Amino acid sequence: MPTCQSCGTKWGWKQTIKKSFTFHSALECPYCGKKQYWTTKSRRKVSFSTMIIPFFIIVPSLFTISRLLILSMLISLCLLVLSIIPFIMELSDEEEPLW
């Protein structure tokens, strides 16, 4: 779980999920209100984990697997990726460049 770099408080799973679905680069700490940013390392990890999803769409379609099975695998994989995001997320006081 991510920890605020200003107050040192560990965020909860539910709070992290809510904060991760925002269009702003800054995430506000629910405890101290200071702005926090994703670290470059954690952004890369999350990007990699979400890039696995299209792979699991393309590969099963090359074989004779039912569409229902492919759909259930896709939904399960999406839920798995969403559930591990709070464990991958790391925070920083300053916004770091992606490259």
PDB file of N, CA and C in Angstrom:
ATOM      1  N   MET A   1       0.838  -1.186   0.000  1.00  0.00           N
ATOM      2  CA  MET A   1       0.000   0.000   0.000  1.00  0.00           C
ATOM      3  C   MET A   1       0.883   1.249   0.000  1.00  0.00           C
ATOM      4  N   PRO A   2       0.433   2.284  -0.687  1.00  0.00           N
ATOM      5  CA  PRO A   2       1.248   3.504  -0.721  1.00  0.00           C
ATOM      6  C   PRO A   2       1.258   4.219   0.626  1.00  0.00           C
ATOM      7  N   THR A   3       2.357   4.901   0.880  1.00  0.00           N
ATOM      8  CA  THR A   3       2.530   5.669   2.103  1.00  0.00           C
ATOM      9  C   THR A   3       2.777   7.118   1.736  1.00  0.00           C
ATOM     10  N   CYS A   4       2.058   8.032   2.381  1.00  0.00           N
ATOM     11  CA  CYS A   4       2.237   9.464   2.141  1.00  0.00           C
ATOM     12  C   CYS A   4       3.648   9.861   2.559  1.00  0.00           C
ATOM     13  N   GLN A   5       4.340  10.580   1.690  1.00  0.00           N
ATOM     14  CA  GLN A   5       5.704  11.002   1.982  1.00  0.00           C
ATOM     15  C   GLN A   5       5.741  12.199   2.930  1.00  0.00           C
ATOM     16  N   SER A   6       4.610  12.889   3.091  1.00  0.00           N
ATOM     17  CA  SER A   6       4.566  14.048   3.986  1.00  0.00           C
ATOM     18  C   SER A   6       4.260  13.655   5.427  1.00  0.00           C
ATOM     19  N   CYS A   7       3.179  12.892   5.625  1.00  0.00           N
ATOM     20  CA  CYS A   7       2.777  12.546   6.992  1.00  0.00           C
ATOM     21  C   CYS A   7       3.147  11.122   7.389  1.00  0.00           C
ATOM     22  N   GLY A   8       3.555  10.292   6.432  1.00  0.00           N
ATOM     23  CA  GLY A   8       3.975   8.929   6.730  1.00  0.00           C
ATOM     24  C   GLY A   8       2.844   7.949   6.960  1.00  0.00           C
ATOM     25  N   THR A   9       1.608   8.347   6.658  1.00  0.00           N
ATOM     26  CA  THR A   9       0.457   7.482   6.873  1.00  0.00           C
ATOM     27  C   THR A   9       0.261   6.564   5.675  1.00  0.00           C
ATOM     28  N   LYS A  10      -0.003   5.297   5.964  1.00  0.00           N
ATOM     29  CA  LYS A  10      -0.248   4.320   4.911  1.00  0.00           C
ATOM     30  C   LYS A  10      -1.709   4.418   4.474  1.00  0.00           C
ATOM     31  N   TRP A  11      -1.924   4.521   3.165  1.00  0.00           N
ATOM     32  CA  TRP A  11      -3.281   4.608   2.629  1.00  0.00           C
ATOM     33  C   TRP A  11      -3.925   3.230   2.640  1.00  0.00           C
ATOM     34  N   GLY A  12      -5.248   3.218   2.744  1.00  0.00           N
ATOM     35  CA  GLY A  12      -5.990   1.972   2.680  1.00  0.00           C
ATOM     36  C   GLY A  12      -6.216   1.544   1.237  1.00  0.00           C
ATOM     37  N   TRP A  13      -6.620   0.288   1.042  1.00  0.00           N
ATOM     38  CA  TRP A  13      -6.836  -0.253  -0.299  1.00  0.00           C
ATOM     39  C   TRP A  13      -7.929   0.520  -1.027  1.00  0.00           C
ATOM     40  N   LYS A  14      -9.052   0.743  -0.342  1.00  0.00           N
ATOM     41  CA  LYS A  14     -10.189   1.430  -0.960  1.00  0.00           C
ATOM     42  C   LYS A  14      -9.827   2.877  -1.319  1.00  0.00           C
ATOM     43  N   GLN A  15      -9.124   3.561  -0.438  1.00  0.00           N
ATOM     44  CA  GLN A  15      -8.703   4.944  -0.704  1.00  0.00           C
ATOM     45  C   GLN A  15      -7.759   4.993  -1.903  1.00  0.00           C
ATOM     46  N   THR A  16      -6.871   4.036  -1.987  1.00  0.00           N
ATOM     47  CA  THR A  16      -5.908   4.001  -3.084  1.00  0.00           C
ATOM     48  C   THR A  16      -6.604   3.775  -4.413  1.00  0.00           C
ATOM     49  N   ILE A  17      -7.574   2.874  -4.439  1.00  0.00           N
ATOM     50  CA  ILE A  17      -8.324   2.622  -5.676  1.00  0.00           C
ATOM     51  C   ILE A  17      -9.050   3.890  -6.111  1.00  0.00           C
ATOM     52  N   LYS A  18      -9.709   4.569  -5.172  1.00  0.00           N
ATOM     53  CA  LYS A  18     -10.425   5.805  -5.507  1.00  0.00           C
ATOM     54  C   LYS A  18      -9.477   6.868  -6.042  1.00  0.00           C
ATOM     55  N   LYS A  19      -8.336   7.035  -5.395  1.00  0.00           N
ATOM     56  CA  LYS A  19      -7.378   8.071  -5.790  1.00  0.00           C
ATOM     57  C   LYS A  19      -6.692   7.742  -7.118  1.00  0.00           C
ATOM     58  N   SER A  20      -6.558   6.462  -7.441  1.00  0.00           N
ATOM     59  CA  SER A  20      -5.842   6.095  -8.663  1.00  0.00           C
ATOM     60  C   SER A  20      -6.669   6.340  -9.922  1.00  0.00           C
ATOM     61  N   PHE A  21      -7.987   6.469  -9.795  1.00  0.00           N
ATOM     62  CA  PHE A  21      -8.838   6.737 -10.951  1.00  0.00           C
ATOM     63  C   PHE A  21      -9.134   8.220 -11.063  1.00  0.00           C
ATOM     64  N   THR A  22      -8.107   9.003 -11.290  1.00  0.00           N
ATOM     65  CA  THR A  22      -8.258  10.441 -11.451  1.00  0.00           C
ATOM     66  C   THR A  22      -7.472  10.879 -12.673  1.00  0.00           C
ATOM     67  N   PHE A  23      -7.874  11.991 -13.260  1.00  0.00           N
ATOM     68  CA  PHE A  23      -7.179  12.505 -14.438  1.00  0.00           C
ATOM     69  C   PHE A  23      -6.079  13.490 -14.059  1.00  0.00           C
ATOM     70  N   HIS A  24      -5.953  13.790 -12.786  1.00  0.00           N
ATOM     71  CA  HIS A  24      -4.931  14.724 -12.320  1.00  0.00           C
ATOM     72  C   HIS A  24      -3.656  13.954 -11.989  1.00  0.00           C
ATOM     73  N   SER A  25      -2.533  14.608 -12.180  1.00  0.00           N
ATOM     74  CA  SER A  25      -1.271  13.937 -11.855  1.00  0.00           C
ATOM     75  C   SER A  25      -1.015  13.934 -10.350  1.00  0.00           C
ATOM     76  N   ALA A  26      -1.577  14.902  -9.652  1.00  0.00           N
ATOM     77  CA  ALA A  26      -1.390  14.977  -8.202  1.00  0.00           C
ATOM     78  C   ALA A  26      -2.529  14.263  -7.484  1.00  0.00           C
ATOM     79  N   LEU A  27      -2.174  13.481  -6.491  1.00  0.00           N
ATOM     80  CA  LEU A  27      -3.149  12.802  -5.648  1.00  0.00           C
ATOM     81  C   LEU A  27      -3.084  13.439  -4.273  1.00  0.00           C
ATOM     82  N   GLU A  28      -4.231  13.783  -3.725  1.00  0.00           N
ATOM     83  CA  GLU A  28      -4.255  14.425  -2.412  1.00  0.00           C
ATOM     84  C   GLU A  28      -4.318  13.371  -1.323  1.00  0.00           C
ATOM     85  N   CYS A  29      -3.442  13.496  -0.350  1.00  0.00           N
ATOM     86  CA  CYS A  29      -3.434  12.568   0.778  1.00  0.00           C
ATOM     87  C   CYS A  29      -4.734  12.740   1.561  1.00  0.00           C
ATOM     88  N   PRO A  30      -5.457  11.639   1.840  1.00  0.00           N
ATOM     89  CA  PRO A  30      -6.706  11.746   2.593  1.00  0.00           C
ATOM     90  C   PRO A  30      -6.499  12.119   4.060  1.00  0.00           C
ATOM     91  N   TYR A  31      -5.275  12.072   4.548  1.00  0.00           N
ATOM     92  CA  TYR A  31      -5.002  12.353   5.951  1.00  0.00           C
ATOM     93  C   TYR A  31      -4.463  13.761   6.179  1.00  0.00           C
ATOM     94  N   CYS A  32      -3.449  14.167   5.399  1.00  0.00           N
ATOM     95  CA  CYS A  32      -2.849  15.486   5.629  1.00  0.00           C
ATOM     96  C   CYS A  32      -3.202  16.500   4.537  1.00  0.00           C
ATOM     97  N   GLY A  33      -3.751  16.048   3.417  1.00  0.00           N
ATOM     98  CA  GLY A  33      -4.164  16.949   2.348  1.00  0.00           C
ATOM     99  C   GLY A  33      -3.049  17.414   1.424  1.00  0.00           C
ATOM    100  N   LYS A  34      -1.824  16.944   1.636  1.00  0.00           N
ATOM    101  CA  LYS A  34      -0.702  17.332   0.773  1.00  0.00           C
ATOM    102  C   LYS A  34      -0.767  16.578  -0.548  1.00  0.00           C
ATOM    103  N   LYS A  35      -0.219  17.195  -1.586  1.00  0.00           N
ATOM    104  CA  LYS A  35      -0.198  16.561  -2.901  1.00  0.00           C
ATOM    105  C   LYS A  35       0.886  15.492  -2.953  1.00  0.00           C
ATOM    106  N   GLN A  36       0.511  14.364  -3.514  1.00  0.00           N
ATOM    107  CA  GLN A  36       1.423  13.244  -3.705  1.00  0.00           C
ATOM    108  C   GLN A  36       1.393  12.869  -5.183  1.00  0.00           C
ATOM    109  N   TYR A  37       2.479  12.299  -5.663  1.00  0.00           N
ATOM    110  CA  TYR A  37       2.591  11.930  -7.068  1.00  0.00           C
ATOM    111  C   TYR A  37       3.064  10.483  -7.183  1.00  0.00           C
ATOM    112  N   TRP A  38       2.654   9.830  -8.272  1.00  0.00           N
ATOM    113  CA  TRP A  38       3.136   8.487  -8.560  1.00  0.00           C
ATOM    114  C   TRP A  38       4.631   8.572  -8.830  1.00  0.00           C
ATOM    115  N   THR A  39       5.390   7.614  -8.361  1.00  0.00           N
ATOM    116  CA  THR A  39       6.805   7.557  -8.733  1.00  0.00           C
ATOM    117  C   THR A  39       6.907   7.006 -10.152  1.00  0.00           C
ATOM    118  N   THR A  40       7.999   7.300 -10.814  1.00  0.00           N
ATOM    119  CA  THR A  40       8.212   6.805 -12.176  1.00  0.00           C
ATOM    120  C   THR A  40       8.214   5.281 -12.196  1.00  0.00           C
ATOM    121  N   LYS A  41       8.838   4.693 -11.212  1.00  0.00           N
ATOM    122  CA  LYS A  41       8.925   3.234 -11.123  1.00  0.00           C
ATOM    123  C   LYS A  41       7.539   2.595 -11.022  1.00  0.00           C
ATOM    124  N   SER A  42       6.673   3.152 -10.194  1.00  0.00           N
ATOM    125  CA  SER A  42       5.344   2.560 -10.030  1.00  0.00           C
ATOM    126  C   SER A  42       4.470   2.805 -11.257  1.00  0.00           C
ATOM    127  N   ARG A  43       4.626   3.952 -11.933  1.00  0.00           N
ATOM    128  CA  ARG A  43       3.876   4.189 -13.172  1.00  0.00           C
ATOM    129  C   ARG A  43       4.264   3.177 -14.245  1.00  0.00           C
ATOM    130  N   ARG A  44       5.533   2.855 -14.323  1.00  0.00           N
ATOM    131  CA  ARG A  44       5.981   1.862 -15.304  1.00  0.00           C
ATOM    132  C   ARG A  44       5.430   0.477 -14.973  1.00  0.00           C
ATOM    133  N   LYS A  45       5.424   0.117 -13.698  1.00  0.00           N
ATOM    134  CA  LYS A  45       4.892  -1.187 -13.293  1.00  0.00           C
ATOM    135  C   LYS A  45       3.412  -1.313 -13.641  1.00  0.00           C
ATOM    136  N   VAL A  46       2.646  -0.268 -13.357  1.00  0.00           N
ATOM    137  CA  VAL A  46       1.212  -0.297 -13.646  1.00  0.00           C
ATOM    138  C   VAL A  46       0.981  -0.333 -15.155  1.00  0.00           C
ATOM    139  N   SER A  47       1.754   0.429 -15.909  1.00  0.00           N
ATOM    140  CA  SER A  47       1.623   0.417 -17.370  1.00  0.00           C
ATOM    141  C   SER A  47       1.907  -0.971 -17.926  1.00  0.00           C
ATOM    142  N   PHE A  48       2.939  -1.608 -17.417  1.00  0.00           N
ATOM    143  CA  PHE A  48       3.265  -2.955 -17.865  1.00  0.00           C
ATOM    144  C   PHE A  48       2.148  -3.937 -17.520  1.00  0.00           C
ATOM    145  N   SER A  49       1.607  -3.837 -16.327  1.00  0.00           N
ATOM    146  CA  SER A  49       0.558  -4.773 -15.920  1.00  0.00           C
ATOM    147  C   SER A  49      -0.715  -4.589 -16.738  1.00  0.00           C
ATOM    148  N   THR A  50      -1.013  -3.362 -17.162  1.00  0.00           N
ATOM    149  CA  THR A  50      -2.198  -3.163 -17.995  1.00  0.00           C
ATOM    150  C   THR A  50      -1.949  -3.556 -19.446  1.00  0.00           C
ATOM    151  N   MET A  51      -0.696  -3.586 -19.871  1.00  0.00           N
ATOM    152  CA  MET A  51      -0.386  -4.001 -21.237  1.00  0.00           C
ATOM    153  C   MET A  51      -0.518  -5.509 -21.416  1.00  0.00           C
ATOM    154  N   ILE A  52      -0.599  -6.239 -20.339  1.00  0.00           N
ATOM    155  CA  ILE A  52      -0.791  -7.685 -20.411  1.00  0.00           C
ATOM    156  C   ILE A  52      -2.199  -8.011 -20.905  1.00  0.00           C
ATOM    157  N   ILE A  53      -3.158  -7.157 -20.606  1.00  0.00           N
ATOM    158  CA  ILE A  53      -4.557  -7.412 -20.956  1.00  0.00           C
ATOM    159  C   ILE A  53      -4.749  -7.593 -22.461  1.00  0.00           C
ATOM    160  N   PRO A  54      -4.256  -6.690 -23.338  1.00  0.00           N
ATOM    161  CA  PRO A  54      -4.430  -6.927 -24.780  1.00  0.00           C
ATOM    162  C   PRO A  54      -3.773  -8.224 -25.259  1.00  0.00           C
ATOM    163  N   PHE A  55      -2.675  -8.604 -24.632  1.00  0.00           N
ATOM    164  CA  PHE A  55      -2.020  -9.863 -24.985  1.00  0.00           C
ATOM    165  C   PHE A  55      -2.973 -11.035 -24.777  1.00  0.00           C
ATOM    166  N   PHE A  56      -3.724 -11.006 -23.687  1.00  0.00           N
ATOM    167  CA  PHE A  56      -4.657 -12.086 -23.408  1.00  0.00           C
ATOM    168  C   PHE A  56      -5.941 -11.991 -24.231  1.00  0.00           C
ATOM    169  N   ILE A  57      -6.107 -10.928 -24.972  1.00  0.00           N
ATOM    170  CA  ILE A  57      -7.221 -10.840 -25.916  1.00  0.00           C
ATOM    171  C   ILE A  57      -6.794 -11.440 -27.251  1.00  0.00           C
ATOM    172  N   ILE A  58      -5.592 -11.115 -27.689  1.00  0.00           N
ATOM    173  CA  ILE A  58      -5.114 -11.532 -29.003  1.00  0.00           C
ATOM    174  C   ILE A  58      -4.748 -13.016 -29.049  1.00  0.00           C
ATOM    175  N   VAL A  59      -3.984 -13.485 -28.096  1.00  0.00           N
ATOM    176  CA  VAL A  59      -3.493 -14.867 -28.123  1.00  0.00           C
ATOM    177  C   VAL A  59      -4.625 -15.897 -28.102  1.00  0.00           C
ATOM    178  N   PRO A  60      -5.609 -15.809 -27.209  1.00  0.00           N
ATOM    179  CA  PRO A  60      -6.679 -16.815 -27.239  1.00  0.00           C
ATOM    180  C   PRO A  60      -7.516 -16.776 -28.516  1.00  0.00           C
ATOM    181  N   SER A  61      -7.597 -15.609 -29.156  1.00  0.00           N
ATOM    182  CA  SER A  61      -8.384 -15.532 -30.387  1.00  0.00           C
ATOM    183  C   SER A  61      -7.701 -16.261 -31.543  1.00  0.00           C
ATOM    184  N   LEU A  62      -6.422 -16.556 -31.423  1.00  0.00           N
ATOM    185  CA  LEU A  62      -5.705 -17.309 -32.452  1.00  0.00           C
ATOM    186  C   LEU A  62      -6.028 -18.800 -32.386  1.00  0.00           C
ATOM    187  N   PHE A  63      -6.550 -19.235 -31.276  1.00  0.00           N
ATOM    188  CA  PHE A  63      -6.904 -20.634 -31.087  1.00  0.00           C
ATOM    189  C   PHE A  63      -8.419 -20.762 -31.066  1.00  0.00           C
ATOM    190  N   THR A  64      -8.894 -21.970 -31.122  1.00  0.00           N
ATOM    191  CA  THR A  64     -10.337 -22.191 -31.105  1.00  0.00           C
ATOM    192  C   THR A  64     -10.830 -22.300 -29.660  1.00  0.00           C
ATOM    193  N   ILE A  65     -10.968 -21.155 -29.057  1.00  0.00           N
ATOM    194  CA  ILE A  65     -11.480 -21.064 -27.689  1.00  0.00           C
ATOM    195  C   ILE A  65     -12.784 -20.279 -27.752  1.00  0.00           C
ATOM    196  N   SER A  66     -13.750 -20.689 -26.977  1.00  0.00           N
ATOM    197  CA  SER A  66     -15.049 -20.019 -27.018  1.00  0.00           C
ATOM    198  C   SER A  66     -14.931 -18.559 -26.583  1.00  0.00           C
ATOM    199  N   ARG A  67     -15.780 -17.752 -27.144  1.00  0.00           N
ATOM    200  CA  ARG A  67     -15.765 -16.322 -26.818  1.00  0.00           C
ATOM    201  C   ARG A  67     -16.149 -16.074 -25.362  1.00  0.00           C
ATOM    202  N   LEU A  68     -17.007 -16.903 -24.852  1.00  0.00           N
ATOM    203  CA  LEU A  68     -17.403 -16.769 -23.451  1.00  0.00           C
ATOM    204  C   LEU A  68     -16.209 -17.007 -22.522  1.00  0.00           C
ATOM    205  N   LEU A  69     -15.390 -17.977 -22.852  1.00  0.00           N
ATOM    206  CA  LEU A  69     -14.198 -18.253 -22.056  1.00  0.00           C
ATOM    207  C   LEU A  69     -13.206 -17.097 -22.162  1.00  0.00           C
ATOM    208  N   ILE A  70     -13.031 -16.561 -23.364  1.00  0.00           N
ATOM    209  CA  ILE A  70     -12.138 -15.416 -23.554  1.00  0.00           C
ATOM    210  C   ILE A  70     -12.644 -14.219 -22.763  1.00  0.00           C
ATOM    211  N   LEU A  71     -13.945 -13.971 -22.813  1.00  0.00           N
ATOM    212  CA  LEU A  71     -14.535 -12.853 -22.082  1.00  0.00           C
ATOM    213  C   LEU A  71     -14.368 -13.026 -20.575  1.00  0.00           C
ATOM    214  N   SER A  72     -14.596 -14.229 -20.081  1.00  0.00           N
ATOM    215  CA  SER A  72     -14.438 -14.458 -18.639  1.00  0.00           C
ATOM    216  C   SER A  72     -12.972 -14.324 -18.215  1.00  0.00           C
ATOM    217  N   MET A  73     -12.044 -14.761 -19.069  1.00  0.00           N
ATOM    218  CA  MET A  73     -10.618 -14.584 -18.770  1.00  0.00           C
ATOM    219  C   MET A  73     -10.256 -13.104 -18.749  1.00  0.00           C
ATOM    220  N   LEU A  74     -10.801 -12.352 -19.686  1.00  0.00           N
ATOM    221  CA  LEU A  74     -10.521 -10.920 -19.771  1.00  0.00           C
ATOM    222  C   LEU A  74     -11.044 -10.181 -18.539  1.00  0.00           C
ATOM    223  N   ILE A  75     -12.262 -10.478 -18.139  1.00  0.00           N
ATOM    224  CA  ILE A  75     -12.846  -9.837 -16.955  1.00  0.00           C
ATOM    225  C   ILE A  75     -12.046 -10.201 -15.702  1.00  0.00           C
ATOM    226  N   SER A  76     -11.683 -11.467 -15.581  1.00  0.00           N
ATOM    227  CA  SER A  76     -10.887 -11.902 -14.426  1.00  0.00           C
ATOM    228  C   SER A  76      -9.532 -11.212 -14.392  1.00  0.00           C
ATOM    229  N   LEU A  77      -8.904 -11.079 -15.547  1.00  0.00           N
ATOM    230  CA  LEU A  77      -7.597 -10.428 -15.617  1.00  0.00           C
ATOM    231  C   LEU A  77      -7.695  -8.945 -15.280  1.00  0.00           C
ATOM    232  N   CYS A  78      -8.743  -8.286 -15.768  1.00  0.00           N
ATOM    233  CA  CYS A  78      -8.941  -6.867 -15.440  1.00  0.00           C
ATOM    234  C   CYS A  78      -9.135  -6.674 -13.940  1.00  0.00           C
ATOM    235  N   LEU A  79      -9.932  -7.522 -13.325  1.00  0.00           N
ATOM    236  CA  LEU A  79     -10.144  -7.437 -11.877  1.00  0.00           C
ATOM    237  C   LEU A  79      -8.858  -7.716 -11.105  1.00  0.00           C
ATOM    238  N   LEU A  80      -8.065  -8.647 -11.597  1.00  0.00           N
ATOM    239  CA  LEU A  80      -6.790  -8.947 -10.953  1.00  0.00           C
ATOM    240  C   LEU A  80      -5.849  -7.750 -11.020  1.00  0.00           C
ATOM    241  N   VAL A  81      -5.751  -7.136 -12.193  1.00  0.00           N
ATOM    242  CA  VAL A  81      -4.877  -5.971 -12.357  1.00  0.00           C
ATOM    243  C   VAL A  81      -5.352  -4.829 -11.463  1.00  0.00           C
ATOM    244  N   LEU A  82      -6.666  -4.588 -11.423  1.00  0.00           N
ATOM    245  CA  LEU A  82      -7.198  -3.523 -10.569  1.00  0.00           C
ATOM    246  C   LEU A  82      -6.928  -3.789  -9.091  1.00  0.00           C
ATOM    247  N   SER A  83      -6.980  -5.038  -8.695  1.00  0.00           N
ATOM    248  CA  SER A  83      -6.784  -5.346  -7.278  1.00  0.00           C
ATOM    249  C   SER A  83      -5.322  -5.244  -6.840  1.00  0.00           C
ATOM    250  N   ILE A  84      -4.370  -5.378  -7.782  1.00  0.00           N
ATOM    251  CA  ILE A  84      -2.961  -5.290  -7.378  1.00  0.00           C
ATOM    252  C   ILE A  84      -2.388  -3.880  -7.503  1.00  0.00           C
ATOM    253  N   ILE A  85      -3.102  -2.963  -8.141  1.00  0.00           N
ATOM    254  CA  ILE A  85      -2.598  -1.591  -8.296  1.00  0.00           C
ATOM    255  C   ILE A  85      -2.226  -0.961  -6.947  1.00  0.00           C
ATOM    256  N   PRO A  86      -3.039  -1.067  -5.898  1.00  0.00           N
ATOM    257  CA  PRO A  86      -2.642  -0.456  -4.617  1.00  0.00           C
ATOM    258  C   PRO A  86      -1.339  -1.014  -4.041  1.00  0.00           C
ATOM    259  N   PHE A  87      -1.009  -2.249  -4.378  1.00  0.00           N
ATOM    260  CA  PHE A  87       0.222  -2.843  -3.864  1.00  0.00           C
ATOM    261  C   PHE A  87       1.444  -2.426  -4.686  1.00  0.00           C
ATOM    262  N   ILE A  88       1.219  -2.001  -5.924  1.00  0.00           N
ATOM    263  CA  ILE A  88       2.300  -1.547  -6.807  1.00  0.00           C
ATOM    264  C   ILE A  88       2.569  -0.065  -6.617  1.00  0.00           C
ATOM    265  N   MET A  89       1.546   0.682  -6.254  1.00  0.00           N
ATOM    266  CA  MET A  89       1.626   2.143  -6.196  1.00  0.00           C
ATOM    267  C   MET A  89       2.606   2.632  -5.131  1.00  0.00           C
ATOM    268  N   GLU A  90       3.487   3.538  -5.547  1.00  0.00           N
ATOM    269  CA  GLU A  90       4.415   4.210  -4.635  1.00  0.00           C
ATOM    270  C   GLU A  90       4.263   5.705  -4.852  1.00  0.00           C
ATOM    271  N   LEU A  91       4.420   6.483  -3.785  1.00  0.00           N
ATOM    272  CA  LEU A  91       4.193   7.924  -3.857  1.00  0.00           C
ATOM    273  C   LEU A  91       5.471   8.711  -3.617  1.00  0.00           C
ATOM    274  N   SER A  92       5.454   9.943  -4.142  1.00  0.00           N
ATOM    275  CA  SER A  92       6.574  10.862  -3.979  1.00  0.00           C
ATOM    276  C   SER A  92       6.022  12.254  -3.705  1.00  0.00           C
ATOM    277  N   ASP A  93       6.812  13.099  -3.027  1.00  0.00           N
ATOM    278  CA  ASP A  93       6.414  14.490  -2.783  1.00  0.00           C
ATOM    279  C   ASP A  93       6.480  15.337  -4.044  1.00  0.00           C
ATOM    280  N   GLU A  94       7.358  14.959  -4.954  1.00  0.00           N
ATOM    281  CA  GLU A  94       7.567  15.734  -6.173  1.00  0.00           C
ATOM    282  C   GLU A  94       7.197  14.900  -7.388  1.00  0.00           C
ATOM    283  N   GLU A  95       6.712  15.582  -8.419  1.00  0.00           N
ATOM    284  CA  GLU A  95       6.373  14.892  -9.653  1.00  0.00           C
ATOM    285  C   GLU A  95       7.658  14.527 -10.388  1.00  0.00           C
ATOM    286  N   GLU A  96       7.786  13.256 -10.710  1.00  0.00           N
ATOM    287  CA  GLU A  96       8.977  12.771 -11.392  1.00  0.00           C
ATOM    288  C   GLU A  96       8.684  12.623 -12.880  1.00  0.00           C
ATOM    289  N   PRO A  97       9.672  12.881 -13.742  1.00  0.00           N
ATOM    290  CA  PRO A  97       9.451  12.676 -15.176  1.00  0.00           C
ATOM    291  C   PRO A  97       9.326  11.182 -15.479  1.00  0.00           C
ATOM    292  N   LEU A  98       8.544  10.862 -16.487  1.00  0.00           N
ATOM    293  CA  LEU A  98       8.342   9.456 -16.831  1.00  0.00           C
ATOM    294  C   LEU A  98       9.598   8.849 -17.433  1.00  0.00           C
ATOM    295  N   TRP A  99      10.394   9.643 -18.115  1.00  0.00           N
ATOM    296  CA  TRP A  99      11.610   9.101 -18.754  1.00  0.00           C
ATOM    297  C   TRP A  99      12.799   9.574 -18.056  1.00  0.00           C
TER     298      TRP A  99
END
